[in-house]
């Protein structure tokens, strides 16, 4: 099963991030079960922090493949009604797999150190 190309994923990311009002970091990766049943381990409501998270999780190069692990934590995006509108799991300290089952194309983030530091500022131990 092949994945979506980078342009398709970027188009979806632009659309979904454009509607994002908040983000939560949830326990578990791609095997963590339904988003609404997972524990929340981090929250992002501030507009500047959301903008930073967007850049950190959408800038980089697509691998045209997926990591074989399930990831460590999941970043879930919420709209104005607090409904889940998208999610991406963090893989290792370098990749985000947005809607893995749908796109099957990991993003190798441009600044993995800053992404890990951002998550650690939320109190999420990544190392």
C-alpha atoms as a PDB file:
ATOM      1  CA  UNK A   1       0.000   0.000   0.000  1.00  0.00           C
ATOM      2  CA  UNK A   2       1.569   3.239  -1.100  1.00  0.00           C
ATOM      3  CA  UNK A   3       1.122   6.527   0.686  1.00  0.00           C
ATOM      4  CA  UNK A   4       0.029   9.977  -0.338  1.00  0.00           C
ATOM      5  CA  UNK A   5       2.602  12.259  -1.870  1.00  0.00           C
ATOM      6  CA  UNK A   6       3.967  15.193   0.095  1.00  0.00           C
ATOM      7  CA  UNK A   7       1.852  17.748  -1.783  1.00  0.00           C
ATOM      8  CA  UNK A   8      -1.354  15.925  -0.821  1.00  0.00           C
ATOM      9  CA  UNK A   9      -0.365  15.792   2.829  1.00  0.00           C
ATOM     10  CA  UNK A  10       0.702  19.457   2.804  1.00  0.00           C
ATOM     11  CA  UNK A  11      -2.651  20.471   1.311  1.00  0.00           C
ATOM     12  CA  UNK A  12      -4.461  18.614   4.089  1.00  0.00           C
ATOM     13  CA  UNK A  13      -2.141  20.089   6.735  1.00  0.00           C
ATOM     14  CA  UNK A  14      -2.797  23.644   5.494  1.00  0.00           C
ATOM     15  CA  UNK A  15      -6.547  23.080   5.602  1.00  0.00           C
ATOM     16  CA  UNK A  16      -6.680  21.420   9.027  1.00  0.00           C
ATOM     17  CA  UNK A  17      -4.195  23.767  10.712  1.00  0.00           C
ATOM     18  CA  UNK A  18      -6.214  26.683   9.327  1.00  0.00           C
ATOM     19  CA  UNK A  19      -9.157  25.480  11.440  1.00  0.00           C
ATOM     20  CA  UNK A  20      -7.118  24.552  14.517  1.00  0.00           C
ATOM     21  CA  UNK A  21      -7.968  26.440  17.714  1.00  0.00           C
ATOM     22  CA  UNK A  22      -6.039  24.241  20.173  1.00  0.00           C
ATOM     23  CA  UNK A  23      -3.841  21.168  20.302  1.00  0.00           C
ATOM     24  CA  UNK A  24      -3.448  18.452  22.890  1.00  0.00           C
ATOM     25  CA  UNK A  25      -0.689  15.916  23.290  1.00  0.00           C
ATOM     26  CA  UNK A  26      -2.077  12.495  24.080  1.00  0.00           C
ATOM     27  CA  UNK A  27      -0.582   9.364  25.576  1.00  0.00           C
ATOM     28  CA  UNK A  28       0.485   6.764  23.050  1.00  0.00           C
ATOM     29  CA  UNK A  29       1.241   6.648  19.375  1.00  0.00           C
ATOM     30  CA  UNK A  30      -0.631   5.033  16.520  1.00  0.00           C
ATOM     31  CA  UNK A  31      -1.671   2.064  18.658  1.00  0.00           C
ATOM     32  CA  UNK A  32      -3.038   4.161  21.532  1.00  0.00           C
ATOM     33  CA  UNK A  33      -6.710   3.621  20.736  1.00  0.00           C
ATOM     34  CA  UNK A  34      -9.389   6.244  20.114  1.00  0.00           C
ATOM     35  CA  UNK A  35      -8.167   9.804  20.653  1.00  0.00           C
ATOM     36  CA  UNK A  36     -11.021  10.679  23.014  1.00  0.00           C
ATOM     37  CA  UNK A  37     -10.118   7.856  25.391  1.00  0.00           C
ATOM     38  CA  UNK A  38      -6.454   8.712  25.836  1.00  0.00           C
ATOM     39  CA  UNK A  39      -4.903  10.691  28.634  1.00  0.00           C
ATOM     40  CA  UNK A  40      -3.982  14.285  27.893  1.00  0.00           C
ATOM     41  CA  UNK A  41      -0.349  14.965  28.787  1.00  0.00           C
ATOM     42  CA  UNK A  42       0.018  18.433  27.252  1.00  0.00           C
ATOM     43  CA  UNK A  43      -2.190  21.293  26.068  1.00  0.00           C
ATOM     44  CA  UNK A  44      -1.554  24.181  23.674  1.00  0.00           C
ATOM     45  CA  UNK A  45      -4.064  27.045  23.602  1.00  0.00           C
ATOM     46  CA  UNK A  46      -1.906  30.154  23.146  1.00  0.00           C
ATOM     47  CA  UNK A  47      -1.919  31.438  19.539  1.00  0.00           C
ATOM     48  CA  UNK A  48       1.868  31.954  19.461  1.00  0.00           C
ATOM     49  CA  UNK A  49       2.511  28.469  20.834  1.00  0.00           C
ATOM     50  CA  UNK A  50       0.082  26.981  18.300  1.00  0.00           C
ATOM     51  CA  UNK A  51       1.890  28.793  15.500  1.00  0.00           C
ATOM     52  CA  UNK A  52       5.224  27.442  16.744  1.00  0.00           C
ATOM     53  CA  UNK A  53       3.850  23.903  17.022  1.00  0.00           C
ATOM     54  CA  UNK A  54       2.467  24.172  13.490  1.00  0.00           C
ATOM     55  CA  UNK A  55       5.861  25.160  12.068  1.00  0.00           C
ATOM     56  CA  UNK A  56       7.668  22.471  14.057  1.00  0.00           C
ATOM     57  CA  UNK A  57       5.316  19.682  12.930  1.00  0.00           C
ATOM     58  CA  UNK A  58       4.722  20.681   9.307  1.00  0.00           C
ATOM     59  CA  UNK A  59       8.124  21.896   8.078  1.00  0.00           C
ATOM     60  CA  UNK A  60      10.495  19.323   6.664  1.00  0.00           C
ATOM     61  CA  UNK A  61      10.702  16.643   3.997  1.00  0.00           C
ATOM     62  CA  UNK A  62       8.392  13.706   3.487  1.00  0.00           C
ATOM     63  CA  UNK A  63      10.025  10.275   3.671  1.00  0.00           C
ATOM     64  CA  UNK A  64       7.572   8.618   1.237  1.00  0.00           C
ATOM     65  CA  UNK A  65       7.448   5.822   3.810  1.00  0.00           C
ATOM     66  CA  UNK A  66       6.418   5.240   7.419  1.00  0.00           C
ATOM     67  CA  UNK A  67       8.339   4.275  10.503  1.00  0.00           C
ATOM     68  CA  UNK A  68       7.595   0.714  11.607  1.00  0.00           C
ATOM     69  CA  UNK A  69       7.112   1.663  15.288  1.00  0.00           C
ATOM     70  CA  UNK A  70       3.842   3.056  16.637  1.00  0.00           C
ATOM     71  CA  UNK A  71       5.311   6.339  17.861  1.00  0.00           C
ATOM     72  CA  UNK A  72       5.527   7.737  21.359  1.00  0.00           C
ATOM     73  CA  UNK A  73       2.881  10.459  21.739  1.00  0.00           C
ATOM     74  CA  UNK A  74       0.147  11.901  19.533  1.00  0.00           C
ATOM     75  CA  UNK A  75      -0.482  15.551  18.740  1.00  0.00           C
ATOM     76  CA  UNK A  76      -4.215  16.037  18.194  1.00  0.00           C
ATOM     77  CA  UNK A  77      -5.673  19.173  16.649  1.00  0.00           C
ATOM     78  CA  UNK A  78      -8.980  20.624  17.832  1.00  0.00           C
ATOM     79  CA  UNK A  79     -11.380  23.006  16.106  1.00  0.00           C
ATOM     80  CA  UNK A  80     -13.479  25.785  17.680  1.00  0.00           C
ATOM     81  CA  UNK A  81     -16.004  23.206  18.952  1.00  0.00           C
ATOM     82  CA  UNK A  82     -13.188  21.202  20.608  1.00  0.00           C
ATOM     83  CA  UNK A  83     -13.654  18.371  18.086  1.00  0.00           C
ATOM     84  CA  UNK A  84     -10.663  16.360  16.892  1.00  0.00           C
ATOM     85  CA  UNK A  85      -9.882  17.352  13.308  1.00  0.00           C
ATOM     86  CA  UNK A  86      -6.501  15.712  12.791  1.00  0.00           C
ATOM     87  CA  UNK A  87      -3.635  14.003  14.536  1.00  0.00           C
ATOM     88  CA  UNK A  88      -0.023  13.049  14.108  1.00  0.00           C
ATOM     89  CA  UNK A  89       2.144  10.698  16.088  1.00  0.00           C
ATOM     90  CA  UNK A  90       5.727  11.544  16.991  1.00  0.00           C
ATOM     91  CA  UNK A  91       8.219   8.882  15.888  1.00  0.00           C
ATOM     92  CA  UNK A  92      11.615   8.793  17.481  1.00  0.00           C
ATOM     93  CA  UNK A  93      12.880  12.314  17.828  1.00  0.00           C
ATOM     94  CA  UNK A  94      12.736  13.167  14.132  1.00  0.00           C
ATOM     95  CA  UNK A  95       9.393  12.370  12.479  1.00  0.00           C
ATOM     96  CA  UNK A  96       5.689  13.149  12.674  1.00  0.00           C
ATOM     97  CA  UNK A  97       3.276  10.760  11.017  1.00  0.00           C
ATOM     98  CA  UNK A  98       0.127  12.759  10.234  1.00  0.00           C
ATOM     99  CA  UNK A  99      -2.950  10.533   9.888  1.00  0.00           C
ATOM    100  CA  UNK A 100      -0.678   7.532   9.406  1.00  0.00           C
ATOM    101  CA  UNK A 101      -3.373   5.117   8.219  1.00  0.00           C
ATOM    102  CA  UNK A 102      -4.626   7.637   5.697  1.00  0.00           C
ATOM    103  CA  UNK A 103      -1.414   9.136   4.282  1.00  0.00           C
ATOM    104  CA  UNK A 104       1.329   6.583   5.089  1.00  0.00           C
ATOM    105  CA  UNK A 105       4.042   9.214   4.660  1.00  0.00           C
ATOM    106  CA  UNK A 106       6.124  10.392   7.609  1.00  0.00           C
ATOM    107  CA  UNK A 107       7.360  13.957   7.751  1.00  0.00           C
ATOM    108  CA  UNK A 108      11.026  14.219   8.711  1.00  0.00           C
ATOM    109  CA  UNK A 109      10.759  17.476  10.638  1.00  0.00           C
ATOM    110  CA  UNK A 110      13.185  20.279   9.802  1.00  0.00           C
ATOM    111  CA  UNK A 111      14.110  21.042  13.414  1.00  0.00           C
ATOM    112  CA  UNK A 112      13.731  17.923  15.561  1.00  0.00           C
ATOM    113  CA  UNK A 113      15.648  19.435  18.489  1.00  0.00           C
ATOM    114  CA  UNK A 114      13.192  22.347  18.733  1.00  0.00           C
ATOM    115  CA  UNK A 115      10.202  19.988  18.463  1.00  0.00           C
ATOM    116  CA  UNK A 116      11.495  17.844  21.327  1.00  0.00           C
ATOM    117  CA  UNK A 117      12.294  20.983  23.367  1.00  0.00           C
ATOM    118  CA  UNK A 118       8.765  22.306  22.722  1.00  0.00           C
ATOM    119  CA  UNK A 119       7.196  19.067  23.958  1.00  0.00           C
ATOM    120  CA  UNK A 120       9.484  19.029  26.975  1.00  0.00           C
ATOM    121  CA  UNK A 121       8.373  22.608  27.821  1.00  0.00           C
ATOM    122  CA  UNK A 122       4.871  21.151  28.049  1.00  0.00           C
ATOM    123  CA  UNK A 123       6.190  18.709  30.639  1.00  0.00           C
ATOM    124  CA  UNK A 124       6.399  15.740  28.281  1.00  0.00           C
ATOM    125  CA  UNK A 125       9.566  13.737  28.763  1.00  0.00           C
ATOM    126  CA  UNK A 126      10.809  12.713  25.330  1.00  0.00           C
ATOM    127  CA  UNK A 127      14.294  11.420  26.207  1.00  0.00           C
END
